Amino acid sequence: MSVKRLVLDVLVPLEPDALTFATRISEIENIDGIAISVLEQDEQTKTVVMTIEGEAVPYQAVREAVRELGGSVHSVDEIIVGARMVEPRLVRPER
């Protein structure tokens, strides 16, 4: 089965900027689009969420591109795998 959506929590340096990260990752084969949202920023780094979609998102290639640009993947926060996109639903227990 192929990965349709991958949401990553990533620590990135201030340079290169988010546009460079997005452009580089969008060039990876089988990636149709990427969105980057900045969660936090300090003097040297930013914590961002990368949402990456495609027909078969290659996780290892994405992780390697992030590393080459000076970033590091902290966690995989969402993954959708299969023949179609399934939107996640958070179910909270009743109290």
PDB file of N, CA and C in Angstrom:
ATOM      1  N   MET A   1       0.838  -1.192   0.000  1.00  0.00           N
ATOM      2  CA  MET A   1       0.000   0.000   0.000  1.00  0.00           C
ATOM      3  C   MET A   1       0.877   1.248   0.000  1.00  0.00           C
ATOM      4  N   SER A   2       0.380   2.304  -0.584  1.00  0.00           N
ATOM      5  CA  SER A   2       1.176   3.515  -0.698  1.00  0.00           C
ATOM      6  C   SER A   2       0.694   4.602   0.267  1.00  0.00           C
ATOM      7  N   VAL A   3       1.635   5.440   0.667  1.00  0.00           N
ATOM      8  CA  VAL A   3       1.367   6.553   1.580  1.00  0.00           C
ATOM      9  C   VAL A   3       0.746   7.693   0.781  1.00  0.00           C
ATOM     10  N   LYS A   4      -0.450   8.122   1.191  1.00  0.00           N
ATOM     11  CA  LYS A   4      -1.162   9.221   0.521  1.00  0.00           C
ATOM     12  C   LYS A   4      -0.891  10.571   1.201  1.00  0.00           C
ATOM     13  N   ARG A   5      -0.787  10.547   2.539  1.00  0.00           N
ATOM     14  CA  ARG A   5      -0.519  11.779   3.292  1.00  0.00           C
ATOM     15  C   ARG A   5       0.434  11.450   4.434  1.00  0.00           C
ATOM     16  N   LEU A   6       1.374  12.357   4.624  1.00  0.00           N
ATOM     17  CA  LEU A   6       2.350  12.225   5.688  1.00  0.00           C
ATOM     18  C   LEU A   6       2.427  13.578   6.384  1.00  0.00           C
ATOM     19  N   VAL A   7       2.213  13.596   7.693  1.00  0.00           N
ATOM     20  CA  VAL A   7       2.317  14.835   8.467  1.00  0.00           C
ATOM     21  C   VAL A   7       3.466  14.665   9.448  1.00  0.00           C
ATOM     22  N   LEU A   8       4.467  15.546   9.305  1.00  0.00           N
ATOM     23  CA  LEU A   8       5.682  15.441  10.099  1.00  0.00           C
ATOM     24  C   LEU A   8       5.891  16.663  10.975  1.00  0.00           C
ATOM     25  N   ASP A   9       6.360  16.452  12.192  1.00  0.00           N
ATOM     26  CA  ASP A   9       6.833  17.509  13.077  1.00  0.00           C
ATOM     27  C   ASP A   9       8.339  17.576  12.846  1.00  0.00           C
ATOM     28  N   VAL A  10       8.821  18.747  12.392  1.00  0.00           N
ATOM     29  CA  VAL A  10      10.212  18.862  11.955  1.00  0.00           C
ATOM     30  C   VAL A  10      10.866  20.082  12.590  1.00  0.00           C
ATOM     31  N   LEU A  11      12.104  19.913  13.052  1.00  0.00           N
ATOM     32  CA  LEU A  11      12.914  21.023  13.525  1.00  0.00           C
ATOM     33  C   LEU A  11      13.801  21.450  12.366  1.00  0.00           C
ATOM     34  N   VAL A  12      13.736  22.726  11.985  1.00  0.00           N
ATOM     35  CA  VAL A  12      14.524  23.220  10.858  1.00  0.00           C
ATOM     36  C   VAL A  12      15.312  24.451  11.288  1.00  0.00           C
ATOM     37  N   PRO A  13      16.476  24.683  10.649  1.00  0.00           N
ATOM     38  CA  PRO A  13      17.217  25.910  10.932  1.00  0.00           C
ATOM     39  C   PRO A  13      16.484  27.107  10.322  1.00  0.00           C
ATOM     40  N   LEU A  14      16.844  28.306  10.754  1.00  0.00           N
ATOM     41  CA  LEU A  14      16.219  29.506  10.175  1.00  0.00           C
ATOM     42  C   LEU A  14      16.576  29.643   8.694  1.00  0.00           C
ATOM     43  N   GLU A  15      17.758  29.213   8.325  1.00  0.00           N
ATOM     44  CA  GLU A  15      18.175  29.209   6.921  1.00  0.00           C
ATOM     45  C   GLU A  15      18.602  27.811   6.552  1.00  0.00           C
ATOM     46  N   PRO A  16      18.153  27.236   5.469  1.00  0.00           N
ATOM     47  CA  PRO A  16      17.313  27.843   4.454  1.00  0.00           C
ATOM     48  C   PRO A  16      15.875  28.041   4.957  1.00  0.00           C
ATOM     49  N   ASP A  17      15.173  28.918   4.281  1.00  0.00           N
ATOM     50  CA  ASP A  17      13.812  29.265   4.693  1.00  0.00           C
ATOM     51  C   ASP A  17      12.806  28.170   4.317  1.00  0.00           C
ATOM     52  N   ALA A  18      11.583  28.332   4.785  1.00  0.00           N
ATOM     53  CA  ALA A  18      10.523  27.335   4.561  1.00  0.00           C
ATOM     54  C   ALA A  18      10.236  27.143   3.072  1.00  0.00           C
ATOM     55  N   LEU A  19      10.347  28.197   2.281  1.00  0.00           N
ATOM     56  CA  LEU A  19      10.112  28.079   0.846  1.00  0.00           C
ATOM     57  C   LEU A  19      11.125  27.124   0.211  1.00  0.00           C
ATOM     58  N   THR A  20      12.374  27.216   0.628  1.00  0.00           N
ATOM     59  CA  THR A  20      13.407  26.314   0.114  1.00  0.00           C
ATOM     60  C   THR A  20      13.102  24.872   0.503  1.00  0.00           C
ATOM     61  N   PHE A  21      12.697  24.653   1.769  1.00  0.00           N
ATOM     62  CA  PHE A  21      12.315  23.308   2.207  1.00  0.00           C
ATOM     63  C   PHE A  21      11.154  22.793   1.359  1.00  0.00           C
ATOM     64  N   ALA A  22      10.119  23.605   1.211  1.00  0.00           N
ATOM     65  CA  ALA A  22       8.933  23.177   0.464  1.00  0.00           C
ATOM     66  C   ALA A  22       9.280  22.870  -0.989  1.00  0.00           C
ATOM     67  N   THR A  23      10.067  23.717  -1.602  1.00  0.00           N
ATOM     68  CA  THR A  23      10.443  23.519  -3.000  1.00  0.00           C
ATOM     69  C   THR A  23      11.252  22.236  -3.168  1.00  0.00           C
ATOM     70  N   ARG A  24      12.226  22.041  -2.301  1.00  0.00           N
ATOM     71  CA  ARG A  24      13.083  20.840  -2.397  1.00  0.00           C
ATOM     72  C   ARG A  24      12.262  19.564  -2.214  1.00  0.00           C
ATOM     73  N   ILE A  25      11.395  19.540  -1.227  1.00  0.00           N
ATOM     74  CA  ILE A  25      10.602  18.339  -0.965  1.00  0.00           C
ATOM     75  C   ILE A  25       9.575  18.111  -2.070  1.00  0.00           C
ATOM     76  N   SER A  26       9.027  19.186  -2.626  1.00  0.00           N
ATOM     77  CA  SER A  26       8.040  19.025  -3.707  1.00  0.00           C
ATOM     78  C   SER A  26       8.654  18.430  -4.963  1.00  0.00           C
ATOM     79  N   GLU A  27       9.967  18.496  -5.091  1.00  0.00           N
ATOM     80  CA  GLU A  27      10.664  17.937  -6.259  1.00  0.00           C
ATOM     81  C   GLU A  27      10.858  16.426  -6.166  1.00  0.00           C
ATOM     82  N   ILE A  28      10.588  15.843  -4.999  1.00  0.00           N
ATOM     83  CA  ILE A  28      10.749  14.397  -4.824  1.00  0.00           C
ATOM     84  C   ILE A  28       9.647  13.684  -5.606  1.00  0.00           C
ATOM     85  N   GLU A  29      10.039  12.616  -6.278  1.00  0.00           N
ATOM     86  CA  GLU A  29       9.099  11.848  -7.094  1.00  0.00           C
ATOM     87  C   GLU A  29       7.898  11.382  -6.266  1.00  0.00           C
ATOM     88  N   ASN A  30       6.719  11.435  -6.867  1.00  0.00           N
ATOM     89  CA  ASN A  30       5.439  10.996  -6.293  1.00  0.00           C
ATOM     90  C   ASN A  30       4.843  11.946  -5.259  1.00  0.00           C
ATOM     91  N   ILE A  31       5.410  13.144  -5.108  1.00  0.00           N
ATOM     92  CA  ILE A  31       4.823  14.131  -4.206  1.00  0.00           C
ATOM     93  C   ILE A  31       4.037  15.130  -5.037  1.00  0.00           C
ATOM     94  N   ASP A  32       2.752  15.271  -4.703  1.00  0.00           N
ATOM     95  CA  ASP A  32       1.870  16.186  -5.436  1.00  0.00           C
ATOM     96  C   ASP A  32       1.788  17.560  -4.798  1.00  0.00           C
ATOM     97  N   GLY A  33       2.018  17.647  -3.481  1.00  0.00           N
ATOM     98  CA  GLY A  33       1.929  18.934  -2.809  1.00  0.00           C
ATOM     99  C   GLY A  33       2.445  18.863  -1.389  1.00  0.00           C
ATOM    100  N   ILE A  34       2.831  20.029  -0.864  1.00  0.00           N
ATOM    101  CA  ILE A  34       3.325  20.137   0.502  1.00  0.00           C
ATOM    102  C   ILE A  34       2.869  21.458   1.098  1.00  0.00           C
ATOM    103  N   ALA A  35       2.509  21.409   2.374  1.00  0.00           N
ATOM    104  CA  ALA A  35       2.199  22.623   3.126  1.00  0.00           C
ATOM    105  C   ALA A  35       3.080  22.620   4.366  1.00  0.00           C
ATOM    106  N   ILE A  36       3.654  23.788   4.679  1.00  0.00           N
ATOM    107  CA  ILE A  36       4.486  23.923   5.865  1.00  0.00           C
ATOM    108  C   ILE A  36       3.894  25.012   6.744  1.00  0.00           C
ATOM    109  N   SER A  37       3.673  24.667   8.014  1.00  0.00           N
ATOM    110  CA  SER A  37       3.166  25.633   9.000  1.00  0.00           C
ATOM    111  C   SER A  37       4.184  25.757  10.118  1.00  0.00           C
ATOM    112  N   VAL A  38       4.531  26.994  10.475  1.00  0.00           N
ATOM    113  CA  VAL A  38       5.476  27.242  11.558  1.00  0.00           C
ATOM    114  C   VAL A  38       4.717  27.243  12.887  1.00  0.00           C
ATOM    115  N   LEU A  39       5.178  26.391  13.819  1.00  0.00           N
ATOM    116  CA  LEU A  39       4.564  26.325  15.144  1.00  0.00           C
ATOM    117  C   LEU A  39       5.294  27.198  16.148  1.00  0.00           C
ATOM    118  N   GLU A  40       6.630  27.155  16.107  1.00  0.00           N
ATOM    119  CA  GLU A  40       7.459  27.914  17.046  1.00  0.00           C
ATOM    120  C   GLU A  40       8.724  28.362  16.335  1.00  0.00           C
ATOM    121  N   GLN A  41       9.303  29.456  16.848  1.00  0.00           N
ATOM    122  CA  GLN A  41      10.568  29.932  16.310  1.00  0.00           C
ATOM    123  C   GLN A  41      11.380  30.524  17.440  1.00  0.00           C
ATOM    124  N   ASP A  42      12.684  30.200  17.453  1.00  0.00           N
ATOM    125  CA  ASP A  42      13.579  30.861  18.389  1.00  0.00           C
ATOM    126  C   ASP A  42      14.698  31.519  17.598  1.00  0.00           C
ATOM    127  N   GLU A  43      15.815  31.813  18.233  1.00  0.00           N
ATOM    128  CA  GLU A  43      16.883  32.546  17.558  1.00  0.00           C
ATOM    129  C   GLU A  43      17.590  31.740  16.465  1.00  0.00           C
ATOM    130  N   GLN A  44      17.551  30.378  16.564  1.00  0.00           N
ATOM    131  CA  GLN A  44      18.309  29.573  15.619  1.00  0.00           C
ATOM    132  C   GLN A  44      17.475  28.559  14.839  1.00  0.00           C
ATOM    133  N   THR A  45      16.295  28.201  15.341  1.00  0.00           N
ATOM    134  CA  THR A  45      15.516  27.137  14.708  1.00  0.00           C
ATOM    135  C   THR A  45      14.027  27.456  14.692  1.00  0.00           C
ATOM    136  N   LYS A  46      13.314  26.657  13.889  1.00  0.00           N
ATOM    137  CA  LYS A  46      11.855  26.711  13.850  1.00  0.00           C
ATOM    138  C   LYS A  46      11.333  25.290  13.987  1.00  0.00           C
ATOM    139  N   THR A  47      10.205  25.144  14.644  1.00  0.00           N
ATOM    140  CA  THR A  47       9.484  23.884  14.648  1.00  0.00           C
ATOM    141  C   THR A  47       8.335  24.054  13.671  1.00  0.00           C
ATOM    142  N   VAL A  48       8.270  23.164  12.682  1.00  0.00           N
ATOM    143  CA  VAL A  48       7.249  23.264  11.649  1.00  0.00           C
ATOM    144  C   VAL A  48       6.497  21.947  11.521  1.00  0.00           C
ATOM    145  N   VAL A  49       5.305  22.037  10.970  1.00  0.00           N
ATOM    146  CA  VAL A  49       4.539  20.855  10.594  1.00  0.00           C
ATOM    147  C   VAL A  49       4.513  20.827   9.077  1.00  0.00           C
ATOM    148  N   MET A  50       4.944  19.692   8.516  1.00  0.00           N
ATOM    149  CA  MET A  50       4.920  19.497   7.073  1.00  0.00           C
ATOM    150  C   MET A  50       3.818  18.499   6.747  1.00  0.00           C
ATOM    151  N   THR A  51       2.876  18.922   5.916  1.00  0.00           N
ATOM    152  CA  THR A  51       1.840  18.028   5.417  1.00  0.00           C
ATOM    153  C   THR A  51       2.168  17.763   3.959  1.00  0.00           C
ATOM    154  N   ILE A  52       2.419  16.492   3.649  1.00  0.00           N
ATOM    155  CA  ILE A  52       2.881  16.106   2.327  1.00  0.00           C
ATOM    156  C   ILE A  52       1.888  15.105   1.754  1.00  0.00           C
ATOM    157  N   GLU A  53       1.436  15.354   0.521  1.00  0.00           N
ATOM    158  CA  GLU A  53       0.488  14.447  -0.119  1.00  0.00           C
ATOM    159  C   GLU A  53       0.989  14.022  -1.490  1.00  0.00           C
ATOM    160  N   GLY A  54       0.580  12.825  -1.890  1.00  0.00           N
ATOM    161  CA  GLY A  54       0.930  12.290  -3.190  1.00  0.00           C
ATOM    162  C   GLY A  54       0.386  10.881  -3.335  1.00  0.00           C
ATOM    163  N   GLU A  55       0.614  10.287  -4.479  1.00  0.00           N
ATOM    164  CA  GLU A  55       0.124   8.925  -4.727  1.00  0.00           C
ATOM    165  C   GLU A  55       0.933   7.884  -3.978  1.00  0.00           C
ATOM    166  N   ALA A  56       2.205   8.165  -3.744  1.00  0.00           N
ATOM    167  CA  ALA A  56       3.079   7.224  -3.037  1.00  0.00           C
ATOM    168  C   ALA A  56       4.223   8.019  -2.422  1.00  0.00           C
ATOM    169  N   VAL A  57       3.936   8.727  -1.334  1.00  0.00           N
ATOM    170  CA  VAL A  57       4.928   9.594  -0.693  1.00  0.00           C
ATOM    171  C   VAL A  57       6.068   8.726  -0.140  1.00  0.00           C
ATOM    172  N   PRO A  58       7.304   8.966  -0.592  1.00  0.00           N
ATOM    173  CA  PRO A  58       8.440   8.166  -0.133  1.00  0.00           C
ATOM    174  C   PRO A  58       9.047   8.753   1.152  1.00  0.00           C
ATOM    175  N   TYR A  59       8.644   8.201   2.285  1.00  0.00           N
ATOM    176  CA  TYR A  59       9.071   8.732   3.586  1.00  0.00           C
ATOM    177  C   TYR A  59      10.585   8.863   3.697  1.00  0.00           C
ATOM    178  N   GLN A  60      11.321   7.838   3.317  1.00  0.00           N
ATOM    179  CA  GLN A  60      12.780   7.885   3.474  1.00  0.00           C
ATOM    180  C   GLN A  60      13.403   9.005   2.635  1.00  0.00           C
ATOM    181  N   ALA A  61      12.892   9.240   1.441  1.00  0.00           N
ATOM    182  CA  ALA A  61      13.410  10.317   0.597  1.00  0.00           C
ATOM    183  C   ALA A  61      13.102  11.684   1.210  1.00  0.00           C
ATOM    184  N   VAL A  62      11.906  11.818   1.802  1.00  0.00           N
ATOM    185  CA  VAL A  62      11.548  13.074   2.469  1.00  0.00           C
ATOM    186  C   VAL A  62      12.465  13.297   3.666  1.00  0.00           C
ATOM    187  N   ARG A  63      12.636  12.268   4.467  1.00  0.00           N
ATOM    188  CA  ARG A  63      13.494  12.378   5.658  1.00  0.00           C
ATOM    189  C   ARG A  63      14.924  12.751   5.269  1.00  0.00           C
ATOM    190  N   GLU A  64      15.433  12.155   4.205  1.00  0.00           N
ATOM    191  CA  GLU A  64      16.782  12.463   3.742  1.00  0.00           C
ATOM    192  C   GLU A  64      16.885  13.902   3.247  1.00  0.00           C
ATOM    193  N   ALA A  65      15.885  14.398   2.524  1.00  0.00           N
ATOM    194  CA  ALA A  65      15.892  15.787   2.044  1.00  0.00           C
ATOM    195  C   ALA A  65      15.881  16.758   3.220  1.00  0.00           C
ATOM    196  N   VAL A  66      15.074  16.463   4.241  1.00  0.00           N
ATOM    197  CA  VAL A  66      15.035  17.308   5.442  1.00  0.00           C
ATOM    198  C   VAL A  66      16.421  17.343   6.088  1.00  0.00           C
ATOM    199  N   ARG A  67      17.047  16.177   6.211  1.00  0.00           N
ATOM    200  CA  ARG A  67      18.375  16.094   6.817  1.00  0.00           C
ATOM    201  C   ARG A  67      19.413  16.875   6.000  1.00  0.00           C
ATOM    202  N   GLU A  68      19.363  16.741   4.677  1.00  0.00           N
ATOM    203  CA  GLU A  68      20.312  17.449   3.803  1.00  0.00           C
ATOM    204  C   GLU A  68      20.191  18.962   3.945  1.00  0.00           C
ATOM    205  N   LEU A  69      18.992  19.440   4.256  1.00  0.00           N
ATOM    206  CA  LEU A  69      18.766  20.881   4.420  1.00  0.00           C
ATOM    207  C   LEU A  69      19.026  21.345   5.852  1.00  0.00           C
ATOM    208  N   GLY A  70      19.486  20.440   6.712  1.00  0.00           N
ATOM    209  CA  GLY A  70      19.854  20.819   8.077  1.00  0.00           C
ATOM    210  C   GLY A  70      18.761  20.618   9.103  1.00  0.00           C
ATOM    211  N   GLY A  71      17.667  19.971   8.714  1.00  0.00           N
ATOM    212  CA  GLY A  71      16.553  19.746   9.634  1.00  0.00           C
ATOM    213  C   GLY A  71      16.563  18.353  10.215  1.00  0.00           C
ATOM    214  N   SER A  72      15.589  18.103  11.089  1.00  0.00           N
ATOM    215  CA  SER A  72      15.463  16.779  11.683  1.00  0.00           C
ATOM    216  C   SER A  72      13.994  16.485  11.959  1.00  0.00           C
ATOM    217  N   VAL A  73      13.562  15.284  11.556  1.00  0.00           N
ATOM    218  CA  VAL A  73      12.177  14.862  11.781  1.00  0.00           C
ATOM    219  C   VAL A  73      12.030  14.439  13.232  1.00  0.00           C
ATOM    220  N   HIS A  74      11.145  15.128  13.962  1.00  0.00           N
ATOM    221  CA  HIS A  74      10.883  14.766  15.359  1.00  0.00           C
ATOM    222  C   HIS A  74       9.886  13.631  15.465  1.00  0.00           C
ATOM    223  N   SER A  75       8.820  13.698  14.653  1.00  0.00           N
ATOM    224  CA  SER A  75       7.802  12.652  14.745  1.00  0.00           C
ATOM    225  C   SER A  75       6.948  12.621  13.488  1.00  0.00           C
ATOM    226  N   VAL A  76       6.326  11.462  13.281  1.00  0.00           N
ATOM    227  CA  VAL A  76       5.303  11.300  12.249  1.00  0.00           C
ATOM    228  C   VAL A  76       3.980  11.466  12.987  1.00  0.00           C
ATOM    229  N   ASP A  77       3.268  12.553  12.716  1.00  0.00           N
ATOM    230  CA  ASP A  77       2.047  12.872  13.456  1.00  0.00           C
ATOM    231  C   ASP A  77       0.776  12.346  12.795  1.00  0.00           C
ATOM    232  N   GLU A  78       0.849  12.052  11.504  1.00  0.00           N
ATOM    233  CA  GLU A  78      -0.301  11.488  10.812  1.00  0.00           C
ATOM    234  C   GLU A  78       0.206  10.781   9.565  1.00  0.00           C
ATOM    235  N   ILE A  79      -0.429   9.673   9.254  1.00  0.00           N
ATOM    236  CA  ILE A  79      -0.096   8.960   8.036  1.00  0.00           C
ATOM    237  C   ILE A  79      -1.377   8.340   7.495  1.00  0.00           C
ATOM    238  N   ILE A  80      -1.594   8.511   6.202  1.00  0.00           N
ATOM    239  CA  ILE A  80      -2.750   7.898   5.551  1.00  0.00           C
ATOM    240  C   ILE A  80      -2.200   6.997   4.458  1.00  0.00           C
ATOM    241  N   VAL A  81      -2.595   5.737   4.519  1.00  0.00           N
ATOM    242  CA  VAL A  81      -2.108   4.725   3.594  1.00  0.00           C
ATOM    243  C   VAL A  81      -3.306   4.010   2.995  1.00  0.00           C
ATOM    244  N   GLY A  82      -3.230   3.691   1.713  1.00  0.00           N
ATOM    245  CA  GLY A  82      -4.298   2.909   1.105  1.00  0.00           C
ATOM    246  C   GLY A  82      -4.655   3.387  -0.282  1.00  0.00           C
ATOM    247  N   ALA A  83      -5.722   2.841  -0.778  1.00  0.00           N
ATOM    248  CA  ALA A  83      -6.166   3.155  -2.129  1.00  0.00           C
ATOM    249  C   ALA A  83      -6.851   4.516  -2.213  1.00  0.00           C
ATOM    250  N   ARG A  84      -7.323   5.047  -1.074  1.00  0.00           N
ATOM    251  CA  ARG A  84      -7.998   6.346  -1.105  1.00  0.00           C
ATOM    252  C   ARG A  84      -7.682   7.126   0.172  1.00  0.00           C
ATOM    253  N   MET A  85      -7.958   8.431   0.116  1.00  0.00           N
ATOM    254  CA  MET A  85      -7.737   9.293   1.277  1.00  0.00           C
ATOM    255  C   MET A  85      -8.863   9.082   2.279  1.00  0.00           C
ATOM    256  N   VAL A  86      -8.490   8.883   3.510  1.00  0.00           N
ATOM    257  CA  VAL A  86      -9.446   8.782   4.603  1.00  0.00           C
ATOM    258  C   VAL A  86      -9.119   9.918   5.556  1.00  0.00           C
ATOM    259  N   GLU A  87     -10.071  10.797   5.792  1.00  0.00           N
ATOM    260  CA  GLU A  87      -9.839  11.916   6.691  1.00  0.00           C
ATOM    261  C   GLU A  87      -9.887  11.422   8.141  1.00  0.00           C
ATOM    262  N   PRO A  88      -8.859  11.747   8.909  1.00  0.00           N
ATOM    263  CA  PRO A  88      -8.827  11.290  10.299  1.00  0.00           C
ATOM    264  C   PRO A  88      -9.903  11.974  11.138  1.00  0.00           C
ATOM    265  N   ARG A  89     -10.392  11.242  12.130  1.00  0.00           N
ATOM    266  CA  ARG A  89     -11.369  11.795  13.075  1.00  0.00           C
ATOM    267  C   ARG A  89     -10.856  11.530  14.458  1.00  0.00           C
ATOM    268  N   LEU A  90     -10.803  12.561  15.249  1.00  0.00           N
ATOM    269  CA  LEU A  90     -10.408  12.399  16.644  1.00  0.00           C
ATOM    270  C   LEU A  90     -11.650  12.030  17.439  1.00  0.00           C
ATOM    271  N   VAL A  91     -11.601  10.908  18.079  1.00  0.00           N
ATOM    272  CA  VAL A  91     -12.723  10.465  18.902  1.00  0.00           C
ATOM    273  C   VAL A  91     -12.296  10.578  20.348  1.00  0.00           C
ATOM    274  N   ARG A  92     -13.037  11.367  21.093  1.00  0.00           N
ATOM    275  CA  ARG A  92     -12.728  11.550  22.512  1.00  0.00           C
ATOM    276  C   ARG A  92     -13.778  10.828  23.339  1.00  0.00           C
ATOM    277  N   PRO A  93     -13.321  10.119  24.340  1.00  0.00           N
ATOM    278  CA  PRO A  93     -14.286   9.410  25.187  1.00  0.00           C
ATOM    279  C   PRO A  93     -15.187  10.400  25.947  1.00  0.00           C
ATOM    280  N   GLU A  94     -16.426  10.011  26.122  1.00  0.00           N
ATOM    281  CA  GLU A  94     -17.330  10.850  26.895  1.00  0.00           C
ATOM    282  C   GLU A  94     -16.982  10.742  28.371  1.00  0.00           C
ATOM    283  N   ARG A  95     -17.219  11.825  29.082  1.00  0.00           N
ATOM    284  CA  ARG A  95     -16.915  11.829  30.526  1.00  0.00           C
ATOM    285  C   ARG A  95     -18.167  11.710  31.323  1.00  0.00           C
TER     286      ARG A  95
END
